[in-house]
Amino acid sequence: MTARKTATGKIQVKSWESIPFNTIGGPTLNELRATEDFVGDIVGEGTARMLQTLRADGSASYVAVERVVATVEGRSGTFVLQDEGTLEGTKVKGTWFVVAGSGTGELAGIRGEGDFHAELGQHADYTLNYWFE
C-alpha cells in the first residue's frame, strides 16, 4: 500500500435526468442519470446512476454508483465510486468510497473515501483521501 494522499477539486454536472419509477403513496422514487466533469486533483468525466427517495417537502436521499474516467496524480484509467447523499433545502452533501477492485489502467489498485458538498445547482467541492494497494 502506498501513502495516503488527498485529492480536492470541483465537480460540474454536465447532464441530469430524473425518471420517476414509483409514485404510489409516500415519497417518490426516482432514477437519476448524470454526467459530470471533475477538475482539480482528479481530471476527467463521471457517469452516474442514482436511486433517489424524494419526500413531499423537497428533501431527498440517494445512493449511487459512478464510473470515473480520469487522471489522478498523472495516472490515467477508470475507477468506480459508490456514494450516498442527501438534499436538505438547497444543500447537497454526501460521502463516497472507491469500490475495491474497480481501478483500471494506471489507476489499478486505487482505494479511498471522501465527501462532497454543494449548493443546489452549483458545482460541488470534493475531497477524496486515496491510496494504491
N, C-alpha and C. Protein backbone atom coordinates (compact mmCIF):
# COMPACT_ATOMS: atom_id res chain seq x y z
N MET A 1 0.85 -1.18 0.00
CA MET A 1 0.00 0.00 0.00
C MET A 1 0.89 1.24 0.00
N THR A 2 0.52 2.23 -0.83
CA THR A 2 1.26 3.48 -0.87
C THR A 2 0.72 4.44 0.19
N ALA A 3 1.43 5.52 0.38
CA ALA A 3 0.99 6.54 1.34
C ALA A 3 -0.35 7.12 0.91
N ARG A 4 -1.13 7.50 1.88
CA ARG A 4 -2.42 8.13 1.58
C ARG A 4 -2.19 9.57 1.13
N LYS A 5 -2.99 9.97 0.15
CA LYS A 5 -2.94 11.34 -0.35
C LYS A 5 -4.36 11.88 -0.39
N THR A 6 -4.49 13.19 -0.50
CA THR A 6 -5.80 13.83 -0.56
C THR A 6 -5.95 14.57 -1.87
N ALA A 7 -7.01 14.25 -2.60
CA ALA A 7 -7.36 14.95 -3.82
C ALA A 7 -8.53 15.88 -3.52
N THR A 8 -8.47 17.10 -4.03
CA THR A 8 -9.56 18.05 -3.87
C THR A 8 -9.86 18.70 -5.22
N GLY A 9 -11.05 19.23 -5.34
CA GLY A 9 -11.42 19.92 -6.57
C GLY A 9 -12.89 20.18 -6.63
N LYS A 10 -13.39 20.29 -7.87
CA LYS A 10 -14.80 20.61 -8.09
C LYS A 10 -15.40 19.65 -9.11
N ILE A 11 -16.71 19.47 -8.98
CA ILE A 11 -17.47 18.65 -9.92
C ILE A 11 -18.55 19.54 -10.52
N GLN A 12 -18.63 19.55 -11.85
CA GLN A 12 -19.67 20.30 -12.54
C GLN A 12 -20.57 19.32 -13.27
N VAL A 13 -21.87 19.37 -13.01
CA VAL A 13 -22.82 18.49 -13.68
C VAL A 13 -22.99 18.96 -15.13
N LYS A 14 -22.80 18.03 -16.08
CA LYS A 14 -22.98 18.35 -17.50
C LYS A 14 -24.38 18.00 -17.98
N SER A 15 -24.91 16.88 -17.50
CA SER A 15 -26.27 16.49 -17.88
C SER A 15 -26.93 15.81 -16.69
N TRP A 16 -28.26 15.90 -16.64
CA TRP A 16 -29.04 15.41 -15.50
C TRP A 16 -30.41 15.00 -15.99
N GLU A 17 -30.83 13.80 -15.63
CA GLU A 17 -32.16 13.33 -15.99
C GLU A 17 -32.77 12.61 -14.79
N SER A 18 -34.02 12.93 -14.48
CA SER A 18 -34.74 12.29 -13.38
C SER A 18 -35.91 11.51 -13.95
N ILE A 19 -35.98 10.22 -13.61
CA ILE A 19 -37.02 9.34 -14.14
C ILE A 19 -37.77 8.71 -12.96
N PRO A 20 -39.00 9.18 -12.67
CA PRO A 20 -39.77 8.55 -11.60
C PRO A 20 -40.09 7.09 -11.95
N PHE A 21 -39.93 6.19 -10.97
CA PHE A 21 -40.30 4.80 -11.22
C PHE A 21 -41.31 4.27 -10.22
N ASN A 22 -41.64 5.06 -9.19
CA ASN A 22 -42.68 4.66 -8.27
C ASN A 22 -43.20 5.90 -7.56
N THR A 23 -44.47 6.22 -7.82
CA THR A 23 -45.06 7.43 -7.24
C THR A 23 -46.32 7.12 -6.44
N ILE A 24 -46.49 5.86 -6.09
CA ILE A 24 -47.70 5.42 -5.40
C ILE A 24 -47.53 5.61 -3.90
N GLY A 25 -48.14 6.65 -3.34
CA GLY A 25 -48.11 6.86 -1.90
C GLY A 25 -46.72 7.10 -1.36
N GLY A 26 -46.60 7.96 -0.40
CA GLY A 26 -45.32 8.23 0.23
C GLY A 26 -44.36 8.95 -0.71
N PRO A 27 -43.09 8.89 -0.39
CA PRO A 27 -42.09 9.57 -1.22
C PRO A 27 -42.04 9.01 -2.64
N THR A 28 -41.65 9.85 -3.58
CA THR A 28 -41.45 9.43 -4.96
C THR A 28 -40.08 8.78 -5.08
N LEU A 29 -40.01 7.66 -5.79
CA LEU A 29 -38.74 7.01 -6.06
C LEU A 29 -38.32 7.35 -7.48
N ASN A 30 -37.10 7.86 -7.62
CA ASN A 30 -36.58 8.30 -8.91
C ASN A 30 -35.28 7.60 -9.25
N GLU A 31 -35.05 7.37 -10.54
CA GLU A 31 -33.73 7.03 -11.04
C GLU A 31 -33.16 8.31 -11.62
N LEU A 32 -31.95 8.65 -11.21
CA LEU A 32 -31.28 9.84 -11.72
C LEU A 32 -30.09 9.40 -12.56
N ARG A 33 -29.89 10.06 -13.69
CA ARG A 33 -28.75 9.79 -14.57
C ARG A 33 -28.00 11.10 -14.74
N ALA A 34 -26.69 11.04 -14.54
CA ALA A 34 -25.90 12.27 -14.63
C ALA A 34 -24.54 11.99 -15.26
N THR A 35 -24.02 13.00 -15.95
CA THR A 35 -22.62 13.02 -16.35
C THR A 35 -22.01 14.26 -15.72
N GLU A 36 -20.76 14.14 -15.29
CA GLU A 36 -20.12 15.20 -14.53
C GLU A 36 -18.68 15.37 -14.97
N ASP A 37 -18.19 16.59 -14.91
CA ASP A 37 -16.77 16.87 -15.13
C ASP A 37 -16.09 17.05 -13.79
N PHE A 38 -14.96 16.37 -13.61
CA PHE A 38 -14.12 16.53 -12.43
C PHE A 38 -12.95 17.43 -12.80
N VAL A 39 -12.66 18.44 -11.98
CA VAL A 39 -11.48 19.28 -12.16
C VAL A 39 -10.76 19.37 -10.82
N GLY A 40 -9.49 19.69 -10.87
CA GLY A 40 -8.68 19.74 -9.66
C GLY A 40 -7.67 18.62 -9.69
N ASP A 41 -7.52 17.92 -8.57
CA ASP A 41 -6.56 16.82 -8.49
C ASP A 41 -7.02 15.58 -9.24
N ILE A 42 -8.32 15.47 -9.49
CA ILE A 42 -8.89 14.45 -10.36
C ILE A 42 -9.41 15.18 -11.58
N VAL A 43 -8.95 14.78 -12.77
CA VAL A 43 -9.38 15.44 -14.01
C VAL A 43 -10.02 14.39 -14.90
N GLY A 44 -11.30 14.56 -15.19
CA GLY A 44 -11.96 13.58 -16.05
C GLY A 44 -13.46 13.74 -16.03
N GLU A 45 -14.13 12.65 -16.42
CA GLU A 45 -15.59 12.65 -16.52
C GLU A 45 -16.17 11.45 -15.79
N GLY A 46 -17.29 11.68 -15.11
CA GLY A 46 -18.00 10.61 -14.43
C GLY A 46 -19.38 10.40 -15.03
N THR A 47 -19.80 9.14 -15.03
CA THR A 47 -21.16 8.77 -15.45
C THR A 47 -21.81 8.07 -14.27
N ALA A 48 -22.91 8.65 -13.77
CA ALA A 48 -23.52 8.16 -12.54
C ALA A 48 -24.96 7.73 -12.74
N ARG A 49 -25.36 6.73 -11.96
CA ARG A 49 -26.76 6.32 -11.83
C ARG A 49 -27.09 6.34 -10.35
N MET A 50 -28.22 6.98 -10.04
CA MET A 50 -28.61 7.15 -8.65
C MET A 50 -30.04 6.69 -8.46
N LEU A 51 -30.33 6.21 -7.27
CA LEU A 51 -31.69 5.93 -6.84
C LEU A 51 -32.00 6.91 -5.73
N GLN A 52 -33.09 7.66 -5.91
CA GLN A 52 -33.41 8.75 -5.01
C GLN A 52 -34.79 8.54 -4.38
N THR A 53 -34.88 8.89 -3.10
CA THR A 53 -36.16 8.98 -2.39
C THR A 53 -36.45 10.45 -2.20
N LEU A 54 -37.47 10.95 -2.91
CA LEU A 54 -37.82 12.37 -2.87
C LEU A 54 -39.08 12.55 -2.03
N ARG A 55 -38.94 13.27 -0.91
CA ARG A 55 -40.05 13.48 0.01
C ARG A 55 -40.90 14.69 -0.40
N ALA A 56 -42.11 14.78 0.10
CA ALA A 56 -43.05 15.85 -0.26
C ALA A 56 -42.50 17.25 0.03
N ASP A 57 -41.64 17.37 1.05
CA ASP A 57 -41.09 18.69 1.39
C ASP A 57 -39.92 19.09 0.50
N GLY A 58 -39.57 18.24 -0.49
CA GLY A 58 -38.47 18.54 -1.41
C GLY A 58 -37.12 18.01 -0.97
N SER A 59 -37.03 17.51 0.26
CA SER A 59 -35.77 16.91 0.71
C SER A 59 -35.65 15.51 0.10
N ALA A 60 -34.43 15.02 0.03
CA ALA A 60 -34.22 13.73 -0.62
C ALA A 60 -32.99 13.04 -0.05
N SER A 61 -32.94 11.75 -0.29
CA SER A 61 -31.73 10.98 -0.03
C SER A 61 -31.51 10.08 -1.24
N TYR A 62 -30.23 9.68 -1.44
CA TYR A 62 -29.95 8.84 -2.61
C TYR A 62 -28.73 7.98 -2.38
N VAL A 63 -28.63 6.95 -3.19
CA VAL A 63 -27.44 6.11 -3.29
C VAL A 63 -27.04 6.09 -4.76
N ALA A 64 -25.76 5.88 -5.04
CA ALA A 64 -25.31 5.95 -6.43
C ALA A 64 -24.04 5.16 -6.65
N VAL A 65 -23.82 4.84 -7.93
CA VAL A 65 -22.53 4.36 -8.41
C VAL A 65 -22.14 5.24 -9.58
N GLU A 66 -20.84 5.49 -9.71
CA GLU A 66 -20.35 6.36 -10.77
C GLU A 66 -19.01 5.86 -11.27
N ARG A 67 -18.92 5.64 -12.56
CA ARG A 67 -17.63 5.30 -13.17
C ARG A 67 -16.96 6.60 -13.57
N VAL A 68 -15.71 6.76 -13.13
CA VAL A 68 -14.94 7.96 -13.42
C VAL A 68 -13.79 7.58 -14.34
N VAL A 69 -13.72 8.25 -15.48
CA VAL A 69 -12.62 8.10 -16.44
C VAL A 69 -11.75 9.32 -16.22
N ALA A 70 -10.53 9.13 -15.69
CA ALA A 70 -9.80 10.30 -15.21
C ALA A 70 -8.30 10.07 -15.14
N THR A 71 -7.64 11.17 -14.83
CA THR A 71 -6.23 11.17 -14.47
C THR A 71 -6.14 11.63 -13.02
N VAL A 72 -5.43 10.84 -12.22
CA VAL A 72 -5.20 11.16 -10.81
C VAL A 72 -3.70 11.05 -10.60
N GLU A 73 -3.06 12.13 -10.16
CA GLU A 73 -1.64 12.09 -9.86
C GLU A 73 -0.83 11.66 -11.11
N GLY A 74 -1.29 12.09 -12.28
CA GLY A 74 -0.60 11.75 -13.52
C GLY A 74 -0.86 10.36 -14.04
N ARG A 75 -1.70 9.59 -13.34
CA ARG A 75 -2.05 8.23 -13.74
C ARG A 75 -3.42 8.23 -14.39
N SER A 76 -3.55 7.57 -15.54
CA SER A 76 -4.82 7.52 -16.27
C SER A 76 -5.49 6.16 -16.12
N GLY A 77 -6.81 6.18 -16.10
CA GLY A 77 -7.58 4.95 -16.03
C GLY A 77 -9.00 5.25 -15.60
N THR A 78 -9.65 4.25 -15.02
CA THR A 78 -11.01 4.42 -14.53
C THR A 78 -11.12 3.83 -13.12
N PHE A 79 -12.15 4.25 -12.41
CA PHE A 79 -12.50 3.65 -11.12
C PHE A 79 -13.97 3.93 -10.87
N VAL A 80 -14.55 3.21 -9.92
CA VAL A 80 -15.96 3.36 -9.59
C VAL A 80 -16.09 3.92 -8.17
N LEU A 81 -16.92 4.95 -8.04
CA LEU A 81 -17.28 5.50 -6.74
C LEU A 81 -18.66 5.00 -6.36
N GLN A 82 -18.83 4.66 -5.10
CA GLN A 82 -20.15 4.34 -4.55
C GLN A 82 -20.45 5.41 -3.52
N ASP A 83 -21.61 6.07 -3.64
CA ASP A 83 -21.87 7.14 -2.70
C ASP A 83 -23.30 7.15 -2.20
N GLU A 84 -23.47 7.91 -1.14
CA GLU A 84 -24.79 8.16 -0.57
C GLU A 84 -24.82 9.62 -0.19
N GLY A 85 -26.01 10.23 -0.32
CA GLY A 85 -26.09 11.64 -0.02
C GLY A 85 -27.49 12.09 0.31
N THR A 86 -27.58 13.37 0.63
CA THR A 86 -28.86 13.96 0.99
C THR A 86 -28.99 15.34 0.35
N LEU A 87 -30.24 15.76 0.20
CA LEU A 87 -30.59 17.11 -0.19
C LEU A 87 -31.51 17.64 0.90
N GLU A 88 -31.08 18.71 1.55
CA GLU A 88 -31.89 19.37 2.58
C GLU A 88 -31.94 20.84 2.22
N GLY A 89 -33.12 21.34 1.88
CA GLY A 89 -33.23 22.72 1.41
C GLY A 89 -32.48 22.85 0.10
N THR A 90 -31.43 23.67 0.09
CA THR A 90 -30.62 23.83 -1.13
C THR A 90 -29.22 23.24 -0.96
N LYS A 91 -29.02 22.47 0.11
CA LYS A 91 -27.69 21.90 0.40
C LYS A 91 -27.65 20.42 0.02
N VAL A 92 -26.68 20.08 -0.84
CA VAL A 92 -26.43 18.69 -1.22
C VAL A 92 -25.13 18.28 -0.54
N LYS A 93 -25.13 17.11 0.08
CA LYS A 93 -23.88 16.61 0.68
C LYS A 93 -23.90 15.10 0.67
N GLY A 94 -22.72 14.53 0.71
CA GLY A 94 -22.64 13.08 0.72
C GLY A 94 -21.24 12.58 0.99
N THR A 95 -21.17 11.26 1.08
CA THR A 95 -19.88 10.58 1.26
C THR A 95 -19.75 9.54 0.16
N TRP A 96 -18.51 9.14 -0.11
CA TRP A 96 -18.27 8.14 -1.14
C TRP A 96 -17.02 7.34 -0.83
N PHE A 97 -16.90 6.22 -1.53
CA PHE A 97 -15.68 5.43 -1.45
C PHE A 97 -15.41 4.80 -2.81
N VAL A 98 -14.14 4.50 -3.06
CA VAL A 98 -13.75 3.81 -4.28
C VAL A 98 -14.04 2.33 -4.09
N VAL A 99 -14.79 1.74 -5.01
CA VAL A 99 -15.13 0.32 -4.93
C VAL A 99 -13.85 -0.49 -5.13
N ALA A 100 -13.59 -1.40 -4.19
CA ALA A 100 -12.39 -2.24 -4.26
C ALA A 100 -12.35 -3.01 -5.58
N GLY A 101 -11.18 -3.04 -6.21
CA GLY A 101 -11.00 -3.79 -7.45
C GLY A 101 -11.54 -3.11 -8.69
N SER A 102 -12.03 -1.86 -8.57
CA SER A 102 -12.64 -1.20 -9.72
C SER A 102 -11.66 -0.40 -10.57
N GLY A 103 -10.46 -0.16 -10.08
CA GLY A 103 -9.50 0.64 -10.82
C GLY A 103 -8.96 -0.11 -12.04
N THR A 104 -8.79 0.63 -13.14
CA THR A 104 -8.23 0.05 -14.37
C THR A 104 -7.05 0.90 -14.84
N GLY A 105 -6.30 0.35 -15.79
CA GLY A 105 -5.16 1.09 -16.34
C GLY A 105 -4.17 1.43 -15.25
N GLU A 106 -3.65 2.65 -15.30
CA GLU A 106 -2.69 3.09 -14.30
C GLU A 106 -3.34 3.39 -12.94
N LEU A 107 -4.66 3.31 -12.88
CA LEU A 107 -5.38 3.50 -11.61
C LEU A 107 -5.76 2.17 -10.96
N ALA A 108 -5.26 1.07 -11.49
CA ALA A 108 -5.50 -0.24 -10.86
C ALA A 108 -4.98 -0.19 -9.43
N GLY A 109 -5.77 -0.71 -8.51
CA GLY A 109 -5.39 -0.74 -7.10
C GLY A 109 -5.77 0.49 -6.31
N ILE A 110 -6.40 1.48 -6.95
CA ILE A 110 -6.79 2.69 -6.20
C ILE A 110 -7.89 2.35 -5.19
N ARG A 111 -7.77 2.92 -4.02
CA ARG A 111 -8.78 2.82 -2.96
C ARG A 111 -8.93 4.20 -2.34
N GLY A 112 -10.01 4.42 -1.62
CA GLY A 112 -10.15 5.69 -0.95
C GLY A 112 -11.57 5.97 -0.50
N GLU A 113 -11.72 7.08 0.22
CA GLU A 113 -13.03 7.54 0.66
C GLU A 113 -12.97 9.05 0.81
N GLY A 114 -14.14 9.66 0.78
CA GLY A 114 -14.17 11.11 0.90
C GLY A 114 -15.59 11.63 0.98
N ASP A 115 -15.73 12.90 0.62
CA ASP A 115 -17.05 13.53 0.69
C ASP A 115 -17.16 14.64 -0.34
N PHE A 116 -18.36 15.17 -0.44
CA PHE A 116 -18.64 16.27 -1.36
C PHE A 116 -19.80 17.07 -0.81
N HIS A 117 -19.87 18.33 -1.23
CA HIS A 117 -20.98 19.20 -0.82
C HIS A 117 -21.16 20.29 -1.86
N ALA A 118 -22.39 20.77 -1.96
CA ALA A 118 -22.71 21.79 -2.96
C ALA A 118 -23.97 22.53 -2.58
N GLU A 119 -24.10 23.70 -3.13
CA GLU A 119 -25.34 24.44 -3.14
C GLU A 119 -26.08 23.95 -4.37
N LEU A 120 -27.36 23.59 -4.24
CA LEU A 120 -28.13 23.02 -5.34
C LEU A 120 -27.98 23.87 -6.60
N GLY A 121 -27.65 23.22 -7.71
CA GLY A 121 -27.49 23.90 -8.98
C GLY A 121 -26.10 24.47 -9.21
N GLN A 122 -25.21 24.34 -8.24
CA GLN A 122 -23.84 24.84 -8.36
C GLN A 122 -22.87 23.66 -8.42
N HIS A 123 -21.61 23.95 -8.71
CA HIS A 123 -20.60 22.89 -8.70
C HIS A 123 -20.43 22.37 -7.27
N ALA A 124 -19.97 21.14 -7.18
CA ALA A 124 -19.70 20.54 -5.87
C ALA A 124 -18.22 20.61 -5.56
N ASP A 125 -17.88 20.80 -4.31
CA ASP A 125 -16.50 20.67 -3.84
C ASP A 125 -16.32 19.25 -3.35
N TYR A 126 -15.21 18.61 -3.74
CA TYR A 126 -14.98 17.22 -3.34
C TYR A 126 -13.64 17.05 -2.64
N THR A 127 -13.58 15.99 -1.85
CA THR A 127 -12.34 15.50 -1.23
C THR A 127 -12.33 14.00 -1.39
N LEU A 128 -11.19 13.46 -1.80
CA LEU A 128 -11.01 12.01 -1.85
C LEU A 128 -9.66 11.69 -1.24
N ASN A 129 -9.67 11.02 -0.08
CA ASN A 129 -8.44 10.51 0.54
C ASN A 129 -8.18 9.16 -0.07
N TYR A 130 -7.07 9.01 -0.82
CA TYR A 130 -6.85 7.80 -1.61
C TYR A 130 -5.46 7.24 -1.43
N TRP A 131 -5.31 6.00 -1.85
CA TRP A 131 -4.03 5.30 -1.82
C TRP A 131 -4.10 4.18 -2.86
N PHE A 132 -2.99 3.57 -3.12
CA PHE A 132 -2.93 2.44 -4.05
C PHE A 132 -2.48 1.20 -3.29
N GLU A 133 -3.21 0.11 -3.51
CA GLU A 133 -2.84 -1.16 -2.86
C GLU A 133 -1.74 -1.84 -3.66
